[in-house]
Amino acid sequence: MSCGGIFDLDNKEKEVDALNHKMSEAGFWDRPTEAQDTIARLKLLKPMVDSWHACQRELGELKEYAELLGEQDKASLPELEKQVAHLSHEVDALEFKRLLGEPEDPNNAIVSINAGAGGTESCDWASMLFRMYLRWAEKKGFQTEVVDMLQGEEAGIKNTTFYVRGAYAYGYLKAECGVHRLVRISPFDSNKKRHTSFASVDAIAEVEDDVDIEIKEEEIRIDTFRASGAGGQHVNKTESAIRITHIPTGIVVQCQNERSQYKNKQMGLKILKARLYEKRRKEEEEKITQKYGEKKEIAWGSQIRSYVFQPYTLVKDHRTGYETSNGQEVMDGELDAFMEVYLKQNIKKV
């Protein structure tokens, strides 16, 4: 087993040392933009370098332990094998994070799910996807918080927006952006016919408060309305829910999760800032694409994955070709394999 080869540990360690030295220089904070870039880069690299060093130390200790074991110590082999398996798992996890090299990848994620055309069928599918991502987040040890949700008229949800908080949440979930297609025997059809449903998933990175995005009061319209859904006596009693419209771009953000209008407004503005930042980032990417003639598939609005439950079971990602016949496992949140294959195909080295 080798720790750090693909990560290029030596060069990254030198870069961390250089960044630390740069921060100690006189006048470093006199250049705010450059200082923020330096801090962001250090924040990305240092945890990885430290983790690789920890793996290397553990590997050295295991090698020494293995060399000390003699024929009479066969009873200790199962424990050694257990420790090697644990280290291997840690290295795999670090290799996975190596695929997440964009500046926003370590951030929390704001995820939106919208049911497509198809009424109850699509609303039910949107709720299934919502459950799938909650299960995935739970398995990763991430925290989730629903910001806004509109229930379907008969079943499921029309749309929802929720936070996923944890290290590299956005880096993982950006692989899920696009249209998800479901084929199954409908539980809402008395004739038991096959139905095809669609729902779209979008993920954006939460941005820091000091990010260079200005929201002017005269450019936004704020409407209040009564919250809907679960919430006890508070719901439908006061107009605490907030809808913010950014007039220049037409971006609309809703928040009704918090108990007070003020808190919903603050949350809504935070999400609006993240959406404006994402819009600017995509526009810059499009300019580069046009300049150099590079053609990239636009994930949003394209069918990225199909989930077939009748007449056979298959979940297939159309961007990578990766597929599995264990559809129930996928719906229970086992998504890392899909994410990893996608990230490997779209890697930008850290």
Foldseek 3Di string as FASTA:
>chain_A
DDFCPVQVLVVLVVVLVVLVVLVPDPCSVVPVVVNVVSVLSNVLRVVLSVLSVVLVVLVVVLVVVVVPDDPVNPVCVVVSVVSVVVSVVSRVVSVLCQLQDDSLQFFKKKKKKAWDPDAPVSQQVSQLVVQQAVLQLVVVVWDKDWFAWAAGPPHHTRMTIMITGDTRNLVQCQLQFAKEKEWAQDPVDPVRDIDITIMGMHMFGQDDPPPPDDQDPVQKDKDFAFGDDDDPPLGPPDRQKIWIARNVVRDIFIGDRDSHNVVSVVVRVRVVRRVVVVVVVVVVVVVVCVVVVPDDDDRYHDHQWYAYDPPAGKIAGPVQRDMDRPRVVSSSHPCSVSSSSSSVVVGDGD
